[in-house]
Each structure stands twice: as structure tokens, then as C-alpha cells.
Amino acid sequence: MAKKKPTRKSNKPTARAAAKTAAQKKSPARKAAAKSTARKKLKSKGRATAPAKRARPKQRIAISHHREEDFKADGLRAYAHYRDLGVADASHGVAQAHVIRLIGPCNPAEVSKLHFHHVDFQMVYVLKGWVKTYMEGQGETLMQQGSAWTQPPKIKHLILDYSDDVELLEVILPAEFKTVELAS
């Protein structure tokens, strides 16, 4: 039979026990008082604390079923019809999503205008047909049904050509944004 080694018992607390004891000594009330004091010191030194985040309204569910009469010529481009998917209203302006039909045949003089958007995010997905684009730093790209791309904020871009049946899904943040057309 093997002999058991005698275990040593020490009166010194282990590192783990010491940490636990120290954590217990800092009660929630003490922690709150320490934070309050730290804030007062910052304010007294002329430093501002971070502004409180503004609470956004609660987002709602948006459901949109296809209806031909929902395509309207009331969007950004005269050569396009837009079907709003209800995302802007449901998200209180955080984002917008719409289906875009570019009206054919393509007129390069009308559509090929270099521009950019003041957006935080923009993504396009080709639902049907094809579209040929130019994006700064990327060059010309043919996007076909099933193709998707993102456009970084303020990237200069334009449409070069498109099929008569093209439909695009576009998602943009925020819902309201400014577009800047550049001189050719």
C-alpha cells in the first residue's frame, strides 16, 4: 500500500482566497461612491463625461408583399421605379430598403452621371437581369442576377448600362441621405 504524502496546512491565505476577500470588501455601495467621486474629479478638471445615448424608438416588423402598383417613379432617379419595403418606417429612419426597376432601354446620357451618397452603409443585390457599374477603385463591373455588392460611404460611382428587365434590391443606412452629383 502506497503512503500518502502529508499535506501542509498554512495559516496564510492563498492568492485566490485573498482576491475573493478583496472583492467582497468592495460592496456595491462602495463601488458606486468611487465612481461618483471619479466623475466629480473629471468635471472639476473641466472634462466632460460622455453624453448619454439617446433612446431610439422600438423598431417594428415590416412585411411587404409584391404588388405591381407599389412601384412608383418617386425616387432618386427619373429612369427608375422604386418599391418601398417599409423598412424606413419600421426602423424609424435607421435604414431603408427598396426594390428598384431601372426603366429600359438604358440611356447612357441620363444614367452615366458620376455621383456619391452621404451614407453609412449601402448594399445592392441584383434580383433580375444585369447592370454594368463603375465604382472608384474597382472600375467597371458587370453585375448579373444573384450578384451583390457594397459601396463604402462617399464612393464615387455610376451606372454604365443595364438590361431592360433589371431589378435591384438596395439597403441603405440611414434612410435619409444626401446624393452629390459630380461634374463630368
C-alpha atoms as a PDB file:
ATOM      1  CA  MET A   1       0.000   0.000   0.000  1.00  0.00           C
ATOM      2  CA  ALA A   2       1.358   3.428  -1.022  1.00  0.00           C
ATOM      3  CA  LYS A   3       1.944   6.031   1.628  1.00  0.00           C
ATOM      4  CA  LYS A   4       0.053   9.296   1.370  1.00  0.00           C
ATOM      5  CA  LYS A   5       2.134  12.429   1.484  1.00  0.00           C
ATOM      6  CA  PRO A   6       1.277  14.590   4.420  1.00  0.00           C
ATOM      7  CA  THR A   7      -0.400  17.847   3.397  1.00  0.00           C
ATOM      8  CA  ARG A   8       0.833  21.107   4.781  1.00  0.00           C
ATOM      9  CA  LYS A   9      -1.611  23.483   6.253  1.00  0.00           C
ATOM     10  CA  SER A  10      -0.667  27.095   6.336  1.00  0.00           C
ATOM     11  CA  ASN A  11      -2.290  29.992   8.060  1.00  0.00           C
ATOM     12  CA  LYS A  12      -1.518  32.200   5.014  1.00  0.00           C
ATOM     13  CA  PRO A  13      -4.463  32.630   2.612  1.00  0.00           C
ATOM     14  CA  THR A  14      -3.940  31.504  -0.966  1.00  0.00           C
ATOM     15  CA  ALA A  15      -3.866  34.083  -3.773  1.00  0.00           C
ATOM     16  CA  ARG A  16      -7.346  33.028  -4.855  1.00  0.00           C
ATOM     17  CA  ALA A  17      -8.755  33.376  -1.347  1.00  0.00           C
ATOM     18  CA  ALA A  18      -7.108  36.786  -0.955  1.00  0.00           C
ATOM     19  CA  ALA A  19      -8.636  38.018  -4.223  1.00  0.00           C
ATOM     20  CA  LYS A  20     -12.068  36.748  -3.194  1.00  0.00           C
ATOM     21  CA  THR A  21     -11.812  38.509   0.148  1.00  0.00           C
ATOM     22  CA  ALA A  22     -10.751  41.762  -1.522  1.00  0.00           C
ATOM     23  CA  ALA A  23     -13.662  41.566  -3.965  1.00  0.00           C
ATOM     24  CA  GLN A  24     -16.103  41.014  -1.136  1.00  0.00           C
ATOM     25  CA  LYS A  25     -14.794  44.086   0.689  1.00  0.00           C
ATOM     26  CA  LYS A  26     -15.784  46.285  -2.275  1.00  0.00           C
ATOM     27  CA  SER A  27     -19.508  46.413  -1.771  1.00  0.00           C
ATOM     28  CA  PRO A  28     -21.800  47.809  -4.493  1.00  0.00           C
ATOM     29  CA  ALA A  29     -22.283  50.917  -2.379  1.00  0.00           C
ATOM     30  CA  ARG A  30     -18.518  51.474  -2.180  1.00  0.00           C
ATOM     31  CA  LYS A  31     -18.148  50.941  -5.928  1.00  0.00           C
ATOM     32  CA  ALA A  32     -20.908  53.488  -6.671  1.00  0.00           C
ATOM     33  CA  ALA A  33     -19.321  56.022  -4.342  1.00  0.00           C
ATOM     34  CA  ALA A  34     -15.947  55.536  -6.035  1.00  0.00           C
ATOM     35  CA  LYS A  35     -17.493  56.118  -9.492  1.00  0.00           C
ATOM     36  CA  SER A  36     -19.322  59.216  -8.284  1.00  0.00           C
ATOM     37  CA  THR A  37     -16.114  60.630  -6.843  1.00  0.00           C
ATOM     38  CA  ALA A  38     -14.255  59.894 -10.075  1.00  0.00           C
ATOM     39  CA  ARG A  39     -16.923  61.735 -12.106  1.00  0.00           C
ATOM     40  CA  LYS A  40     -16.762  64.745  -9.788  1.00  0.00           C
ATOM     41  CA  LYS A  41     -12.987  64.853 -10.209  1.00  0.00           C
ATOM     42  CA  LEU A  42     -13.326  64.736 -14.008  1.00  0.00           C
ATOM     43  CA  LYS A  43     -15.905  67.518 -14.027  1.00  0.00           C
ATOM     44  CA  SER A  44     -13.815  69.635 -11.715  1.00  0.00           C
ATOM     45  CA  LYS A  45     -10.887  69.314 -14.128  1.00  0.00           C
ATOM     46  CA  GLY A  46     -13.062  70.614 -16.968  1.00  0.00           C
ATOM     47  CA  ARG A  47     -13.509  67.245 -18.687  1.00  0.00           C
ATOM     48  CA  ALA A  48     -16.943  66.369 -19.921  1.00  0.00           C
ATOM     49  CA  THR A  49     -18.392  62.954 -19.403  1.00  0.00           C
ATOM     50  CA  ALA A  50     -19.680  61.008 -22.387  1.00  0.00           C
ATOM     51  CA  PRO A  51     -23.175  62.094 -23.443  1.00  0.00           C
ATOM     52  CA  ALA A  52     -25.957  59.699 -22.602  1.00  0.00           C
ATOM     53  CA  LYS A  53     -27.139  57.629 -25.564  1.00  0.00           C
ATOM     54  CA  ARG A  54     -30.475  58.775 -26.895  1.00  0.00           C
ATOM     55  CA  ALA A  55     -33.009  56.002 -26.767  1.00  0.00           C
ATOM     56  CA  ARG A  56     -34.338  55.119 -30.210  1.00  0.00           C
ATOM     57  CA  PRO A  57     -37.967  54.208 -30.643  1.00  0.00           C
ATOM     58  CA  LYS A  58     -38.604  50.490 -30.699  1.00  0.00           C
ATOM     59  CA  GLN A  59     -38.404  49.046 -34.211  1.00  0.00           C
ATOM     60  CA  ARG A  60     -41.456  47.369 -35.687  1.00  0.00           C
ATOM     61  CA  ILE A  61     -41.904  44.418 -38.008  1.00  0.00           C
ATOM     62  CA  ALA A  62     -42.130  45.364 -41.692  1.00  0.00           C
ATOM     63  CA  ILE A  63     -43.884  42.989 -44.083  1.00  0.00           C
ATOM     64  CA  SER A  64     -44.134  43.804 -47.774  1.00  0.00           C
ATOM     65  CA  HIS A  65     -45.808  41.622 -50.372  1.00  0.00           C
ATOM     66  CA  HIS A  66     -45.252  42.148 -54.100  1.00  0.00           C
ATOM     67  CA  ARG A  67     -47.836  44.373 -55.786  1.00  0.00           C
ATOM     68  CA  GLU A  68     -47.187  45.993 -59.164  1.00  0.00           C
ATOM     69  CA  GLU A  69     -48.935  49.197 -58.097  1.00  0.00           C
ATOM     70  CA  ASP A  70     -46.322  49.704 -55.350  1.00  0.00           C
ATOM     71  CA  PHE A  71     -43.617  50.566 -57.915  1.00  0.00           C
ATOM     72  CA  LYS A  72     -43.501  54.361 -58.084  1.00  0.00           C
ATOM     73  CA  ALA A  73     -41.490  56.921 -60.043  1.00  0.00           C
ATOM     74  CA  ASP A  74     -40.926  58.984 -56.886  1.00  0.00           C
ATOM     75  CA  GLY A  75     -37.344  58.087 -56.007  1.00  0.00           C
ATOM     76  CA  LEU A  76     -33.885  59.474 -56.571  1.00  0.00           C
ATOM     77  CA  ARG A  77     -33.651  58.750 -60.317  1.00  0.00           C
ATOM     78  CA  ALA A  78     -36.111  59.587 -63.104  1.00  0.00           C
ATOM     79  CA  TYR A  79     -35.167  56.408 -65.007  1.00  0.00           C
ATOM     80  CA  ALA A  80     -36.154  54.168 -62.078  1.00  0.00           C
ATOM     81  CA  HIS A  81     -39.277  52.980 -60.307  1.00  0.00           C
ATOM     82  CA  TYR A  82     -39.000  52.186 -56.597  1.00  0.00           C
ATOM     83  CA  ARG A  83     -40.967  49.802 -54.390  1.00  0.00           C
ATOM     84  CA  ASP A  84     -40.550  50.783 -50.749  1.00  0.00           C
ATOM     85  CA  LEU A  85     -40.331  47.748 -48.452  1.00  0.00           C
ATOM     86  CA  GLY A  86     -41.422  49.608 -45.294  1.00  0.00           C
ATOM     87  CA  VAL A  87     -38.043  49.380 -43.556  1.00  0.00           C
ATOM     88  CA  ALA A  88     -37.583  53.151 -43.109  1.00  0.00           C
ATOM     89  CA  ASP A  89     -40.875  53.497 -41.234  1.00  0.00           C
ATOM     90  CA  ALA A  90     -40.383  50.314 -39.210  1.00  0.00           C
ATOM     91  CA  SER A  91     -36.826  51.296 -38.199  1.00  0.00           C
ATOM     92  CA  HIS A  92     -37.666  54.974 -37.568  1.00  0.00           C
ATOM     93  CA  GLY A  93     -35.160  56.034 -40.225  1.00  0.00           C
ATOM     94  CA  VAL A  94     -32.278  53.784 -39.211  1.00  0.00           C
ATOM     95  CA  ALA A  95     -32.335  52.091 -42.639  1.00  0.00           C
ATOM     96  CA  GLN A  96     -34.273  51.897 -45.871  1.00  0.00           C
ATOM     97  CA  ALA A  97     -34.772  49.061 -48.317  1.00  0.00           C
ATOM     98  CA  HIS A  98     -36.438  49.117 -51.701  1.00  0.00           C
ATOM     99  CA  VAL A  99     -36.649  47.218 -54.957  1.00  0.00           C
ATOM    100  CA  ILE A 100     -35.528  49.319 -57.920  1.00  0.00           C
ATOM    101  CA  ARG A 101     -36.568  48.728 -61.540  1.00  0.00           C
ATOM    102  CA  LEU A 102     -34.392  50.606 -63.983  1.00  0.00           C
ATOM    103  CA  ILE A 103     -36.568  51.600 -66.934  1.00  0.00           C
ATOM    104  CA  GLY A 104     -35.166  50.448 -70.289  1.00  0.00           C
ATOM    105  CA  PRO A 105     -33.740  50.894 -72.716  1.00  0.00           C
ATOM    106  CA  CYS A 106     -30.718  52.389 -70.967  1.00  0.00           C
ATOM    107  CA  ASN A 107     -29.885  55.951 -71.969  1.00  0.00           C
ATOM    108  CA  PRO A 108     -26.181  56.436 -71.062  1.00  0.00           C
ATOM    109  CA  ALA A 109     -26.500  60.235 -71.270  1.00  0.00           C
ATOM    110  CA  GLU A 110     -29.103  60.100 -68.492  1.00  0.00           C
ATOM    111  CA  VAL A 111     -27.731  57.359 -66.222  1.00  0.00           C
ATOM    112  CA  SER A 112     -23.953  57.756 -66.532  1.00  0.00           C
ATOM    113  CA  LYS A 113     -23.519  60.591 -64.046  1.00  0.00           C
ATOM    114  CA  LEU A 114     -20.705  60.220 -61.538  1.00  0.00           C
ATOM    115  CA  HIS A 115     -22.019  60.721 -58.010  1.00  0.00           C
ATOM    116  CA  PHE A 116     -21.707  59.642 -54.378  1.00  0.00           C
ATOM    117  CA  HIS A 117     -24.006  59.325 -51.377  1.00  0.00           C
ATOM    118  CA  HIS A 118     -23.571  60.509 -47.787  1.00  0.00           C
ATOM    119  CA  VAL A 119     -24.457  57.121 -46.269  1.00  0.00           C
ATOM    120  CA  ASP A 120     -23.096  54.861 -43.544  1.00  0.00           C
ATOM    121  CA  PHE A 121     -23.850  51.668 -45.492  1.00  0.00           C
ATOM    122  CA  GLN A 122     -25.149  50.737 -48.953  1.00  0.00           C
ATOM    123  CA  MET A 123     -25.683  47.266 -50.385  1.00  0.00           C
ATOM    124  CA  VAL A 124     -27.197  46.261 -53.736  1.00  0.00           C
ATOM    125  CA  TYR A 125     -28.370  42.801 -54.835  1.00  0.00           C
ATOM    126  CA  VAL A 126     -29.398  42.001 -58.433  1.00  0.00           C
ATOM    127  CA  LEU A 127     -32.760  40.234 -58.327  1.00  0.00           C
ATOM    128  CA  LYS A 128     -33.253  40.055 -62.093  1.00  0.00           C
ATOM    129  CA  GLY A 129     -31.340  40.997 -65.260  1.00  0.00           C
ATOM    130  CA  TRP A 130     -27.936  42.700 -65.191  1.00  0.00           C
ATOM    131  CA  VAL A 131     -26.341  46.084 -64.587  1.00  0.00           C
ATOM    132  CA  LYS A 132     -22.889  47.370 -65.528  1.00  0.00           C
ATOM    133  CA  THR A 133     -21.408  49.749 -62.972  1.00  0.00           C
ATOM    134  CA  TYR A 134     -18.296  51.808 -62.396  1.00  0.00           C
ATOM    135  CA  MET A 135     -17.008  52.247 -58.829  1.00  0.00           C
ATOM    136  CA  GLU A 136     -13.974  54.280 -57.864  1.00  0.00           C
ATOM    137  CA  GLY A 137     -11.100  51.910 -57.103  1.00  0.00           C
ATOM    138  CA  GLN A 138     -12.952  48.946 -58.630  1.00  0.00           C
ATOM    139  CA  GLY A 139     -13.505  50.014 -62.218  1.00  0.00           C
ATOM    140  CA  GLU A 140     -16.225  48.606 -64.464  1.00  0.00           C
ATOM    141  CA  THR A 141     -18.058  45.536 -63.211  1.00  0.00           C
ATOM    142  CA  LEU A 142     -20.903  43.549 -64.729  1.00  0.00           C
ATOM    143  CA  MET A 143     -23.384  42.504 -62.047  1.00  0.00           C
ATOM    144  CA  GLN A 144     -25.824  39.749 -63.014  1.00  0.00           C
ATOM    145  CA  GLN A 145     -28.784  38.094 -61.323  1.00  0.00           C
ATOM    146  CA  GLY A 146     -27.538  36.869 -57.934  1.00  0.00           C
ATOM    147  CA  SER A 147     -24.640  39.360 -57.760  1.00  0.00           C
ATOM    148  CA  ALA A 148     -24.348  41.638 -54.719  1.00  0.00           C
ATOM    149  CA  TRP A 149     -22.038  44.457 -53.744  1.00  0.00           C
ATOM    150  CA  THR A 150     -21.490  47.031 -51.049  1.00  0.00           C
ATOM    151  CA  GLN A 151     -20.485  50.605 -51.683  1.00  0.00           C
ATOM    152  CA  PRO A 152     -18.419  52.287 -48.971  1.00  0.00           C
ATOM    153  CA  PRO A 153     -19.566  55.734 -47.816  1.00  0.00           C
ATOM    154  CA  LYS A 154     -18.921  58.519 -50.360  1.00  0.00           C
ATOM    155  CA  ILE A 155     -17.508  56.170 -53.030  1.00  0.00           C
ATOM    156  CA  LYS A 156     -17.825  57.730 -56.486  1.00  0.00           C
ATOM    157  CA  HIS A 157     -19.846  55.511 -58.807  1.00  0.00           C
ATOM    158  CA  LEU A 158     -22.213  55.418 -61.773  1.00  0.00           C
ATOM    159  CA  ILE A 159     -24.316  53.079 -63.868  1.00  0.00           C
ATOM    160  CA  LEU A 160     -22.963  52.448 -67.372  1.00  0.00           C
ATOM    161  CA  ASP A 161     -25.633  50.133 -68.807  1.00  0.00           C
ATOM    162  CA  TYR A 162     -28.400  47.736 -67.776  1.00  0.00           C
ATOM    163  CA  SER A 163     -30.818  45.182 -69.178  1.00  0.00           C
ATOM    164  CA  ASP A 164     -34.428  46.147 -69.892  1.00  0.00           C
ATOM    165  CA  ASP A 165     -35.658  43.795 -67.147  1.00  0.00           C
ATOM    166  CA  VAL A 166     -33.231  44.666 -64.320  1.00  0.00           C
ATOM    167  CA  GLU A 167     -34.490  44.711 -60.720  1.00  0.00           C
ATOM    168  CA  LEU A 168     -32.254  45.533 -57.774  1.00  0.00           C
ATOM    169  CA  LEU A 169     -32.696  45.260 -54.009  1.00  0.00           C
ATOM    170  CA  GLU A 170     -30.980  48.158 -52.249  1.00  0.00           C
ATOM    171  CA  VAL A 171     -30.419  48.564 -48.496  1.00  0.00           C
ATOM    172  CA  ILE A 172     -29.100  51.891 -47.189  1.00  0.00           C
ATOM    173  CA  LEU A 173     -28.293  53.316 -43.763  1.00  0.00           C
ATOM    174  CA  PRO A 174     -29.577  55.804 -42.776  1.00  0.00           C
ATOM    175  CA  ALA A 175     -32.914  56.059 -44.579  1.00  0.00           C
ATOM    176  CA  GLU A 176     -32.478  59.761 -45.337  1.00  0.00           C
ATOM    177  CA  PHE A 177     -29.239  60.761 -47.064  1.00  0.00           C
ATOM    178  CA  LYS A 178     -27.776  63.298 -49.466  1.00  0.00           C
ATOM    179  CA  THR A 179     -26.573  62.476 -53.002  1.00  0.00           C
ATOM    180  CA  VAL A 180     -23.886  64.619 -54.647  1.00  0.00           C
ATOM    181  CA  GLU A 181     -23.597  64.597 -58.458  1.00  0.00           C
ATOM    182  CA  LEU A 182     -20.143  65.397 -59.754  1.00  0.00           C
ATOM    183  CA  ALA A 183     -19.302  67.337 -62.919  1.00  0.00           C
ATOM    184  CA  SER A 184     -18.369  65.057 -65.816  1.00  0.00           C
END
